[in-house]
Amino acid sequence: VKGFELEFQAVPTERLSLIATVGYLDSKYTEVDPEAEITTANKLIGAPEWTVSLGGQYAFPWQDHGDFVLRADYSYRSKVYFDAVNTESVAQDGYGMVNLRAVFDSAGGRWSISAGLATATDETYIVMGVGVLESLGFSSAIYGRPREWFLQGSYHF
């Protein structure tokens, strides 16, 4: 397994911050027992070749009451397999997800309230799977959570 990961952070203004990451993974079998059900052409379990994330937030002051903060995040993950034999019926093709959040932070930081959308684009994606008797048409997959909205409050003592 070899690869790299780069992370970038920028704060172009006092109120705007941006992040970006990119990762590359070259993972492969170099040697496989001839008795195994796999070959060196098989991909490792749960090892995407590419991962990317982008995010940004901007804070708007509201007089002396605090700040409104808007945040958006995007993440991408290339194709992954969930079993050693690389069963296609439960492999997850590359996909991207968007999360959105709006926060009001009170002046002094004593309390905050936030609302947002997780998986805002309502992407359907597999988080785990296995090809059980795939030759007979049976496989099993667990899907990730669908779009969710949330409302959260906090108070610091």
C-alpha atoms as a PDB file:
ATOM      1  CA  VAL A   1       0.000   0.000   0.000  1.00  0.00           C
ATOM      2  CA  LYS A   2       1.366   3.369  -0.982  1.00  0.00           C
ATOM      3  CA  GLY A   3      -0.174   6.741  -1.556  1.00  0.00           C
ATOM      4  CA  PHE A   4      -0.342  10.315  -0.439  1.00  0.00           C
ATOM      5  CA  GLU A   5      -2.646  12.809   1.180  1.00  0.00           C
ATOM      6  CA  LEU A   6      -2.556  16.568   0.798  1.00  0.00           C
ATOM      7  CA  GLU A   7      -4.424  19.025   2.963  1.00  0.00           C
ATOM      8  CA  PHE A   8      -4.911  22.706   2.245  1.00  0.00           C
ATOM      9  CA  GLN A   9      -6.300  25.367   4.546  1.00  0.00           C
ATOM     10  CA  ALA A  10      -6.841  29.003   3.712  1.00  0.00           C
ATOM     11  CA  VAL A  11      -8.243  31.931   5.628  1.00  0.00           C
ATOM     12  CA  PRO A  12      -8.526  34.624   2.944  1.00  0.00           C
ATOM     13  CA  THR A  13     -10.427  36.954   5.282  1.00  0.00           C
ATOM     14  CA  GLU A  14     -11.126  37.023   8.991  1.00  0.00           C
ATOM     15  CA  ARG A  15     -14.611  35.615   8.349  1.00  0.00           C
ATOM     16  CA  LEU A  16     -13.960  33.130   5.521  1.00  0.00           C
ATOM     17  CA  SER A  17     -12.138  29.817   5.891  1.00  0.00           C
ATOM     18  CA  LEU A  18     -11.630  27.145   3.247  1.00  0.00           C
ATOM     19  CA  ILE A  19     -10.274  23.596   3.350  1.00  0.00           C
ATOM     20  CA  ALA A  20      -9.462  21.012   0.693  1.00  0.00           C
ATOM     21  CA  THR A  21      -7.966  17.545   0.892  1.00  0.00           C
ATOM     22  CA  VAL A  22      -7.045  14.980  -1.713  1.00  0.00           C
ATOM     23  CA  GLY A  23      -5.825  11.464  -1.119  1.00  0.00           C
ATOM     24  CA  TYR A  24      -4.544   8.792  -3.457  1.00  0.00           C
ATOM     25  CA  LEU A  25      -4.094   5.144  -2.511  1.00  0.00           C
ATOM     26  CA  ASP A  26      -2.322   2.542  -4.632  1.00  0.00           C
ATOM     27  CA  SER A  27      -3.250  -0.659  -2.837  1.00  0.00           C
ATOM     28  CA  LYS A  28      -2.784  -4.070  -4.361  1.00  0.00           C
ATOM     29  CA  TYR A  29      -1.849  -7.636  -3.674  1.00  0.00           C
ATOM     30  CA  THR A  30       1.692  -8.405  -4.804  1.00  0.00           C
ATOM     31  CA  GLU A  31       1.492 -12.113  -4.065  1.00  0.00           C
ATOM     32  CA  VAL A  32      -1.463 -14.446  -3.521  1.00  0.00           C
ATOM     33  CA  ASP A  33      -1.564 -18.093  -2.518  1.00  0.00           C
ATOM     34  CA  PRO A  34      -2.588 -20.156  -5.587  1.00  0.00           C
ATOM     35  CA  GLU A  35      -5.255 -21.845  -3.413  1.00  0.00           C
ATOM     36  CA  ALA A  36      -6.943 -18.514  -2.644  1.00  0.00           C
ATOM     37  CA  GLU A  37     -10.159 -17.419  -4.346  1.00  0.00           C
ATOM     38  CA  ILE A  38      -8.517 -14.150  -5.364  1.00  0.00           C
ATOM     39  CA  THR A  39      -5.701 -13.018  -7.638  1.00  0.00           C
ATOM     40  CA  THR A  40      -3.286 -10.097  -7.659  1.00  0.00           C
ATOM     41  CA  ALA A  41      -5.849  -8.292  -9.874  1.00  0.00           C
ATOM     42  CA  ASN A  42      -8.314  -8.082  -6.952  1.00  0.00           C
ATOM     43  CA  LYS A  43      -8.608  -4.773  -5.089  1.00  0.00           C
ATOM     44  CA  LEU A  44      -8.187  -4.514  -1.322  1.00  0.00           C
ATOM     45  CA  ILE A  45     -11.323  -4.279   0.819  1.00  0.00           C
ATOM     46  CA  GLY A  46     -12.526  -0.747   1.590  1.00  0.00           C
ATOM     47  CA  ALA A  47      -9.611   0.968  -0.151  1.00  0.00           C
ATOM     48  CA  PRO A  48     -10.738   3.738  -2.513  1.00  0.00           C
ATOM     49  CA  GLU A  49      -8.151   4.921  -5.004  1.00  0.00           C
ATOM     50  CA  TRP A  50      -9.172   8.581  -4.590  1.00  0.00           C
ATOM     51  CA  THR A  51     -10.708  10.639  -1.813  1.00  0.00           C
ATOM     52  CA  VAL A  52     -11.423  14.356  -2.035  1.00  0.00           C
ATOM     53  CA  SER A  53     -13.059  16.829   0.308  1.00  0.00           C
ATOM     54  CA  LEU A  54     -13.817  20.514   0.017  1.00  0.00           C
ATOM     55  CA  GLY A  55     -15.306  22.778   2.637  1.00  0.00           C
ATOM     56  CA  GLY A  56     -15.856  26.363   3.466  1.00  0.00           C
ATOM     57  CA  GLN A  57     -17.542  28.568   5.993  1.00  0.00           C
ATOM     58  CA  TYR A  58     -18.354  32.225   6.274  1.00  0.00           C
ATOM     59  CA  ALA A  59     -19.306  34.106   9.448  1.00  0.00           C
ATOM     60  CA  PHE A  60     -21.668  37.092   9.324  1.00  0.00           C
ATOM     61  CA  PRO A  61     -21.648  39.319  12.407  1.00  0.00           C
ATOM     62  CA  TRP A  62     -25.048  40.355  13.788  1.00  0.00           C
ATOM     63  CA  GLN A  63     -24.509  43.589  15.669  1.00  0.00           C
ATOM     64  CA  ASP A  64     -23.275  42.726  19.173  1.00  0.00           C
ATOM     65  CA  HIS A  65     -25.412  39.568  19.447  1.00  0.00           C
ATOM     66  CA  GLY A  66     -23.058  37.077  17.825  1.00  0.00           C
ATOM     67  CA  ASP A  67     -22.299  35.489  14.462  1.00  0.00           C
ATOM     68  CA  PHE A  68     -24.238  33.578  11.847  1.00  0.00           C
ATOM     69  CA  VAL A  69     -21.987  30.953  10.298  1.00  0.00           C
ATOM     70  CA  LEU A  70     -22.809  29.191   7.033  1.00  0.00           C
ATOM     71  CA  ARG A  71     -20.870  26.037   6.198  1.00  0.00           C
ATOM     72  CA  ALA A  72     -20.851  23.662   3.223  1.00  0.00           C
ATOM     73  CA  ASP A  73     -18.808  20.484   2.795  1.00  0.00           C
ATOM     74  CA  TYR A  74     -18.394  18.144  -0.163  1.00  0.00           C
ATOM     75  CA  SER A  75     -16.672  14.769  -0.089  1.00  0.00           C
ATOM     76  CA  TYR A  76     -15.927  12.223  -2.798  1.00  0.00           C
ATOM     77  CA  ARG A  77     -14.741   8.634  -2.589  1.00  0.00           C
ATOM     78  CA  SER A  78     -13.923   6.475  -5.607  1.00  0.00           C
ATOM     79  CA  LYS A  79     -15.083   2.877  -6.040  1.00  0.00           C
ATOM     80  CA  VAL A  80     -14.612   0.448  -3.151  1.00  0.00           C
ATOM     81  CA  TYR A  81     -15.126  -3.266  -2.691  1.00  0.00           C
ATOM     82  CA  PHE A  82     -16.394  -4.815   0.533  1.00  0.00           C
ATOM     83  CA  ASP A  83     -15.200  -8.374   0.131  1.00  0.00           C
ATOM     84  CA  ALA A  84     -11.934  -9.984  -0.970  1.00  0.00           C
ATOM     85  CA  VAL A  85     -13.356 -11.439  -4.194  1.00  0.00           C
ATOM     86  CA  ASN A  86     -14.576  -7.981  -5.305  1.00  0.00           C
ATOM     87  CA  THR A  87     -18.245  -8.867  -5.708  1.00  0.00           C
ATOM     88  CA  GLU A  88     -19.673  -6.257  -8.101  1.00  0.00           C
ATOM     89  CA  SER A  89     -23.240  -6.461  -6.767  1.00  0.00           C
ATOM     90  CA  VAL A  90     -22.108  -5.011  -3.432  1.00  0.00           C
ATOM     91  CA  ALA A  91     -19.257  -2.803  -4.650  1.00  0.00           C
ATOM     92  CA  GLN A  92     -19.840   0.926  -4.233  1.00  0.00           C
ATOM     93  CA  ASP A  93     -19.091   3.041  -7.281  1.00  0.00           C
ATOM     94  CA  GLY A  94     -17.541   6.436  -6.693  1.00  0.00           C
ATOM     95  CA  TYR A  95     -19.915   8.995  -5.181  1.00  0.00           C
ATOM     96  CA  GLY A  96     -19.998  12.457  -3.675  1.00  0.00           C
ATOM     97  CA  MET A  97     -21.901  13.845  -0.703  1.00  0.00           C
ATOM     98  CA  VAL A  98     -22.840  17.359   0.381  1.00  0.00           C
ATOM     99  CA  ASN A  99     -23.478  18.507   3.960  1.00  0.00           C
ATOM    100  CA  LEU A 100     -24.849  21.954   4.824  1.00  0.00           C
ATOM    101  CA  ARG A 101     -25.009  23.744   8.172  1.00  0.00           C
ATOM    102  CA  ALA A 102     -26.115  27.126   9.512  1.00  0.00           C
ATOM    103  CA  VAL A 103     -25.130  28.173  13.037  1.00  0.00           C
ATOM    104  CA  PHE A 104     -25.799  31.133  15.259  1.00  0.00           C
ATOM    105  CA  ASP A 105     -23.080  31.567  17.903  1.00  0.00           C
ATOM    106  CA  SER A 106     -23.953  34.021  20.653  1.00  0.00           C
ATOM    107  CA  ALA A 107     -21.546  36.778  21.576  1.00  0.00           C
ATOM    108  CA  GLY A 108     -19.172  35.357  24.169  1.00  0.00           C
ATOM    109  CA  GLY A 109     -19.888  31.795  23.006  1.00  0.00           C
ATOM    110  CA  ARG A 110     -22.253  30.850  25.865  1.00  0.00           C
ATOM    111  CA  TRP A 111     -24.839  29.290  23.584  1.00  0.00           C
ATOM    112  CA  SER A 112     -25.437  28.349  19.975  1.00  0.00           C
ATOM    113  CA  ILE A 113     -28.149  26.962  17.766  1.00  0.00           C
ATOM    114  CA  SER A 114     -27.598  25.186  14.459  1.00  0.00           C
ATOM    115  CA  ALA A 115     -29.600  23.587  11.676  1.00  0.00           C
ATOM    116  CA  GLY A 116     -28.524  21.677   8.642  1.00  0.00           C
ATOM    117  CA  LEU A 117     -28.782  18.897   6.134  1.00  0.00           C
ATOM    118  CA  ALA A 118     -26.605  15.802   6.171  1.00  0.00           C
ATOM    119  CA  THR A 119     -26.348  13.976   2.846  1.00  0.00           C
ATOM    120  CA  ALA A 120     -28.149  16.969   1.322  1.00  0.00           C
ATOM    121  CA  THR A 121     -28.233  15.439  -2.183  1.00  0.00           C
ATOM    122  CA  ASP A 122     -29.879  12.275  -0.772  1.00  0.00           C
ATOM    123  CA  GLU A 123     -27.143  10.077  -2.262  1.00  0.00           C
ATOM    124  CA  THR A 124     -27.736   6.321  -2.056  1.00  0.00           C
ATOM    125  CA  TYR A 125     -24.527   4.544  -1.101  1.00  0.00           C
ATOM    126  CA  ILE A 126     -23.349   1.251   0.351  1.00  0.00           C
ATOM    127  CA  VAL A 127     -21.292   1.265   3.567  1.00  0.00           C
ATOM    128  CA  MET A 128     -20.824  -2.499   3.845  1.00  0.00           C
ATOM    129  CA  GLY A 129     -21.699  -5.542   1.786  1.00  0.00           C
ATOM    130  CA  VAL A 130     -20.884  -9.129   0.989  1.00  0.00           C
ATOM    131  CA  GLY A 131     -21.665 -11.330  -2.008  1.00  0.00           C
ATOM    132  CA  VAL A 132     -23.202 -14.346  -0.308  1.00  0.00           C
ATOM    133  CA  LEU A 133     -23.849 -17.039  -2.926  1.00  0.00           C
ATOM    134  CA  GLU A 134     -23.787 -14.420  -5.677  1.00  0.00           C
ATOM    135  CA  SER A 135     -23.917 -17.167  -8.296  1.00  0.00           C
ATOM    136  CA  LEU A 136     -27.442 -17.905  -6.993  1.00  0.00           C
ATOM    137  CA  GLY A 137     -28.362 -14.219  -6.952  1.00  0.00           C
ATOM    138  CA  PHE A 138     -27.903 -13.595  -3.237  1.00  0.00           C
ATOM    139  CA  SER A 139     -25.911 -10.705  -1.854  1.00  0.00           C
ATOM    140  CA  SER A 140     -26.246  -8.457   1.147  1.00  0.00           C
ATOM    141  CA  ALA A 141     -25.544  -4.747   1.509  1.00  0.00           C
ATOM    142  CA  ILE A 142     -26.017  -2.128   4.190  1.00  0.00           C
ATOM    143  CA  TYR A 143     -26.802   1.326   2.869  1.00  0.00           C
ATOM    144  CA  GLY A 144     -25.730   4.636   4.370  1.00  0.00           C
ATOM    145  CA  ARG A 145     -28.162   7.003   5.989  1.00  0.00           C
ATOM    146  CA  PRO A 146     -30.365   9.039   3.646  1.00  0.00           C
ATOM    147  CA  ARG A 147     -30.775  12.816   3.723  1.00  0.00           C
ATOM    148  CA  GLU A 148     -31.328  14.033   7.275  1.00  0.00           C
ATOM    149  CA  TRP A 149     -32.079  17.426   8.681  1.00  0.00           C
ATOM    150  CA  PHE A 150     -31.112  18.430  12.170  1.00  0.00           C
ATOM    151  CA  LEU A 151     -31.628  21.164  14.715  1.00  0.00           C
ATOM    152  CA  GLN A 152     -29.188  21.399  17.585  1.00  0.00           C
ATOM    153  CA  GLY A 153     -28.742  23.722  20.517  1.00  0.00           C
ATOM    154  CA  SER A 154     -25.969  23.971  23.061  1.00  0.00           C
ATOM    155  CA  TYR A 155     -25.240  25.946  26.171  1.00  0.00           C
ATOM    156  CA  HIS A 156     -21.815  26.188  27.810  1.00  0.00           C
ATOM    157  CA  PHE A 157     -21.741  26.428  31.620  1.00  0.00           C
END
